[in-house]
Amino acid sequence: MSKSKTEAGALLRDHLRSAGLTQTEFARRTDVSVTQVNYLTAGERQVSPTWADIIAEHCGLTPEERLRLHVAAAIDHGFKIDI
C-alpha cells in the first residue's frame, strides 16, 4: 500500500486498521463509495472536520486521537497551528 499524501489520510488508514475495518466496510457504514474512502486514505482528497468526526465515531477514537486527527486535517488544509 502506498504512502498517503496527507497526514490525516495516513491517520485514517491507521485508524481503520486498528479498528479492524476495511475501506469497503468503512464505506458501507458511512454510505460513501469505496473510491471516496480510497481518495481520503491516499491523500487525494483532504479530510474535512465533518469527516474527522465521522472517522472518530466509526473507528472508536479516544478524545486525544480525535484531536490529533482534527489537527492533522487542519494542517493538511494549510492552517498554521501552534498548540
N, C-alpha and C. Protein backbone atom coordinates (compact mmCIF):
# COMPACT_ATOMS: atom_id res chain seq x y z
N MET A 1 0.86 -1.18 0.00
CA MET A 1 0.00 0.00 0.00
C MET A 1 0.90 1.23 0.00
N SER A 2 0.56 2.19 -0.85
CA SER A 2 1.40 3.38 -0.96
C SER A 2 1.16 4.33 0.21
N LYS A 3 2.11 5.23 0.37
CA LYS A 3 2.03 6.22 1.44
C LYS A 3 1.02 7.31 1.09
N SER A 4 0.33 7.82 2.11
CA SER A 4 -0.64 8.88 1.90
C SER A 4 0.07 10.20 1.66
N LYS A 5 -0.56 11.06 0.87
CA LYS A 5 -0.02 12.39 0.61
C LYS A 5 -0.33 13.37 1.74
N THR A 6 -1.22 12.97 2.66
CA THR A 6 -1.59 13.85 3.77
C THR A 6 -1.46 13.10 5.09
N GLU A 7 -1.20 13.84 6.13
CA GLU A 7 -1.10 13.24 7.47
C GLU A 7 -2.45 12.68 7.91
N ALA A 8 -3.53 13.41 7.63
CA ALA A 8 -4.86 12.93 8.02
C ALA A 8 -5.21 11.64 7.28
N GLY A 9 -4.83 11.54 6.03
CA GLY A 9 -5.07 10.31 5.26
C GLY A 9 -4.32 9.13 5.85
N ALA A 10 -3.08 9.37 6.26
CA ALA A 10 -2.29 8.31 6.90
C ALA A 10 -2.92 7.90 8.22
N LEU A 11 -3.39 8.88 8.99
CA LEU A 11 -4.06 8.57 10.26
C LEU A 11 -5.34 7.77 10.02
N LEU A 12 -6.12 8.16 9.00
CA LEU A 12 -7.33 7.41 8.68
C LEU A 12 -6.99 5.96 8.39
N ARG A 13 -6.00 5.74 7.55
CA ARG A 13 -5.60 4.37 7.22
C ARG A 13 -5.20 3.60 8.48
N ASP A 14 -4.42 4.24 9.36
CA ASP A 14 -4.00 3.59 10.61
C ASP A 14 -5.19 3.28 11.51
N HIS A 15 -6.14 4.24 11.61
CA HIS A 15 -7.30 4.04 12.48
C HIS A 15 -8.22 2.94 11.92
N LEU A 16 -8.37 2.88 10.62
CA LEU A 16 -9.16 1.80 10.04
C LEU A 16 -8.54 0.45 10.37
N ARG A 17 -7.24 0.37 10.22
CA ARG A 17 -6.53 -0.88 10.52
C ARG A 17 -6.70 -1.24 11.99
N SER A 18 -6.52 -0.28 12.88
CA SER A 18 -6.65 -0.52 14.32
C SER A 18 -8.06 -0.95 14.70
N ALA A 19 -9.05 -0.40 14.00
CA ALA A 19 -10.45 -0.74 14.28
C ALA A 19 -10.87 -2.04 13.60
N GLY A 20 -9.98 -2.60 12.79
CA GLY A 20 -10.31 -3.84 12.08
C GLY A 20 -11.30 -3.63 10.95
N LEU A 21 -11.30 -2.42 10.38
CA LEU A 21 -12.23 -2.11 9.29
C LEU A 21 -11.48 -2.04 7.96
N THR A 22 -12.06 -2.62 6.94
CA THR A 22 -11.53 -2.44 5.59
C THR A 22 -12.10 -1.14 5.04
N GLN A 23 -11.51 -0.65 3.97
CA GLN A 23 -12.05 0.54 3.33
C GLN A 23 -13.47 0.26 2.84
N THR A 24 -13.70 -0.95 2.36
CA THR A 24 -15.04 -1.32 1.88
C THR A 24 -16.06 -1.28 3.00
N GLU A 25 -15.72 -1.84 4.16
CA GLU A 25 -16.64 -1.84 5.29
C GLU A 25 -16.89 -0.42 5.79
N PHE A 26 -15.84 0.38 5.88
CA PHE A 26 -15.99 1.77 6.32
C PHE A 26 -16.88 2.53 5.34
N ALA A 27 -16.68 2.32 4.05
CA ALA A 27 -17.51 2.98 3.03
C ALA A 27 -18.97 2.59 3.20
N ARG A 28 -19.23 1.31 3.42
CA ARG A 28 -20.59 0.84 3.59
C ARG A 28 -21.23 1.50 4.82
N ARG A 29 -20.50 1.53 5.92
CA ARG A 29 -21.03 2.10 7.16
C ARG A 29 -21.29 3.60 7.07
N THR A 30 -20.52 4.29 6.26
CA THR A 30 -20.66 5.74 6.15
C THR A 30 -21.42 6.16 4.90
N ASP A 31 -21.89 5.19 4.13
CA ASP A 31 -22.71 5.43 2.95
C ASP A 31 -22.00 6.29 1.91
N VAL A 32 -20.72 5.99 1.67
CA VAL A 32 -19.98 6.63 0.59
C VAL A 32 -19.34 5.53 -0.25
N SER A 33 -18.78 5.90 -1.36
CA SER A 33 -18.14 4.91 -2.23
C SER A 33 -16.77 4.52 -1.67
N VAL A 34 -16.35 3.33 -2.04
CA VAL A 34 -15.00 2.88 -1.67
C VAL A 34 -13.97 3.81 -2.30
N THR A 35 -14.27 4.31 -3.47
CA THR A 35 -13.37 5.26 -4.15
C THR A 35 -13.15 6.50 -3.30
N GLN A 36 -14.23 7.02 -2.71
CA GLN A 36 -14.11 8.21 -1.84
C GLN A 36 -13.21 7.91 -0.66
N VAL A 37 -13.38 6.76 -0.03
CA VAL A 37 -12.55 6.38 1.12
C VAL A 37 -11.10 6.22 0.67
N ASN A 38 -10.90 5.62 -0.49
CA ASN A 38 -9.55 5.45 -1.01
C ASN A 38 -8.89 6.81 -1.26
N TYR A 39 -9.64 7.75 -1.82
CA TYR A 39 -9.11 9.11 -2.03
C TYR A 39 -8.69 9.75 -0.71
N LEU A 40 -9.50 9.56 0.34
CA LEU A 40 -9.16 10.13 1.64
C LEU A 40 -7.90 9.49 2.22
N THR A 41 -7.81 8.16 2.17
CA THR A 41 -6.63 7.50 2.74
C THR A 41 -5.37 7.78 1.94
N ALA A 42 -5.51 7.96 0.64
CA ALA A 42 -4.35 8.24 -0.21
C ALA A 42 -3.93 9.70 -0.15
N GLY A 43 -4.80 10.55 0.40
CA GLY A 43 -4.48 11.97 0.45
C GLY A 43 -4.84 12.69 -0.84
N GLU A 44 -5.62 12.04 -1.70
CA GLU A 44 -6.08 12.69 -2.93
C GLU A 44 -7.21 13.68 -2.63
N ARG A 45 -7.90 13.47 -1.52
CA ARG A 45 -8.89 14.40 -1.01
C ARG A 45 -8.57 14.64 0.46
N GLN A 46 -8.78 15.86 0.90
CA GLN A 46 -8.46 16.18 2.28
C GLN A 46 -9.61 15.84 3.21
N VAL A 47 -9.26 15.50 4.43
CA VAL A 47 -10.23 15.17 5.46
C VAL A 47 -10.79 16.47 6.03
N SER A 48 -12.10 16.64 5.94
CA SER A 48 -12.76 17.82 6.49
C SER A 48 -13.03 17.60 7.97
N PRO A 49 -13.39 18.66 8.70
CA PRO A 49 -13.75 18.47 10.11
C PRO A 49 -14.92 17.49 10.27
N THR A 50 -15.88 17.55 9.37
CA THR A 50 -17.01 16.61 9.44
C THR A 50 -16.52 15.18 9.28
N TRP A 51 -15.64 14.96 8.30
CA TRP A 51 -15.11 13.61 8.10
C TRP A 51 -14.26 13.16 9.27
N ALA A 52 -13.53 14.08 9.88
CA ALA A 52 -12.73 13.72 11.06
C ALA A 52 -13.65 13.18 12.16
N ASP A 53 -14.80 13.81 12.34
CA ASP A 53 -15.76 13.34 13.35
C ASP A 53 -16.37 12.00 12.96
N ILE A 54 -16.67 11.82 11.68
CA ILE A 54 -17.21 10.53 11.21
C ILE A 54 -16.19 9.42 11.43
N ILE A 55 -14.94 9.69 11.10
CA ILE A 55 -13.87 8.71 11.29
C ILE A 55 -13.75 8.37 12.77
N ALA A 56 -13.74 9.40 13.61
CA ALA A 56 -13.60 9.18 15.05
C ALA A 56 -14.73 8.31 15.59
N GLU A 57 -15.94 8.58 15.14
CA GLU A 57 -17.10 7.82 15.60
C GLU A 57 -17.02 6.36 15.17
N HIS A 58 -16.73 6.12 13.91
CA HIS A 58 -16.74 4.75 13.39
C HIS A 58 -15.51 3.94 13.76
N CYS A 59 -14.43 4.61 14.11
CA CYS A 59 -13.21 3.90 14.50
C CYS A 59 -13.02 3.85 16.01
N GLY A 60 -13.94 4.46 16.75
CA GLY A 60 -13.85 4.44 18.21
C GLY A 60 -12.64 5.16 18.76
N LEU A 61 -12.35 6.33 18.21
CA LEU A 61 -11.17 7.07 18.64
C LEU A 61 -11.36 7.68 20.02
N THR A 62 -10.26 7.77 20.73
CA THR A 62 -10.26 8.47 22.01
C THR A 62 -10.33 9.97 21.74
N PRO A 63 -10.66 10.79 22.74
CA PRO A 63 -10.65 12.24 22.53
C PRO A 63 -9.29 12.75 22.04
N GLU A 64 -8.22 12.17 22.52
CA GLU A 64 -6.88 12.60 22.10
C GLU A 64 -6.63 12.24 20.64
N GLU A 65 -7.06 11.04 20.22
CA GLU A 65 -6.89 10.62 18.83
C GLU A 65 -7.74 11.49 17.91
N ARG A 66 -8.95 11.82 18.35
CA ARG A 66 -9.83 12.69 17.56
C ARG A 66 -9.18 14.06 17.37
N LEU A 67 -8.63 14.62 18.44
CA LEU A 67 -7.96 15.91 18.36
C LEU A 67 -6.78 15.84 17.40
N ARG A 68 -5.99 14.80 17.50
CA ARG A 68 -4.83 14.65 16.61
C ARG A 68 -5.27 14.59 15.15
N LEU A 69 -6.37 13.89 14.87
CA LEU A 69 -6.89 13.80 13.50
C LEU A 69 -7.36 15.18 13.03
N HIS A 70 -8.07 15.91 13.88
CA HIS A 70 -8.53 17.25 13.52
C HIS A 70 -7.35 18.18 13.25
N VAL A 71 -6.33 18.12 14.08
CA VAL A 71 -5.15 18.97 13.89
C VAL A 71 -4.45 18.61 12.58
N ALA A 72 -4.28 17.32 12.32
CA ALA A 72 -3.64 16.89 11.08
C ALA A 72 -4.43 17.36 9.87
N ALA A 73 -5.75 17.24 9.93
CA ALA A 73 -6.59 17.69 8.82
C ALA A 73 -6.47 19.19 8.61
N ALA A 74 -6.45 19.96 9.69
CA ALA A 74 -6.32 21.42 9.59
C ALA A 74 -4.98 21.80 8.97
N ILE A 75 -3.93 21.13 9.40
CA ILE A 75 -2.60 21.41 8.82
C ILE A 75 -2.58 21.04 7.34
N ASP A 76 -3.20 19.90 6.99
CA ASP A 76 -3.27 19.50 5.59
C ASP A 76 -4.01 20.54 4.75
N HIS A 77 -4.96 21.26 5.35
CA HIS A 77 -5.70 22.31 4.66
C HIS A 77 -4.92 23.63 4.62
N GLY A 78 -3.75 23.66 5.26
CA GLY A 78 -2.92 24.86 5.20
C GLY A 78 -2.97 25.76 6.42
N PHE A 79 -3.71 25.35 7.44
CA PHE A 79 -3.76 26.16 8.66
C PHE A 79 -2.46 26.01 9.42
N LYS A 80 -2.03 27.08 10.03
CA LYS A 80 -0.85 27.05 10.88
C LYS A 80 -1.34 26.92 12.32
N ILE A 81 -0.99 25.83 12.94
CA ILE A 81 -1.48 25.55 14.29
C ILE A 81 -0.28 25.41 15.21
N ASP A 82 -0.31 26.17 16.28
CA ASP A 82 0.76 26.14 17.26
C ASP A 82 0.15 25.84 18.62
N ILE A 83 0.00 24.53 18.90
CA ILE A 83 -0.58 24.14 20.19
C ILE A 83 0.34 23.16 20.89
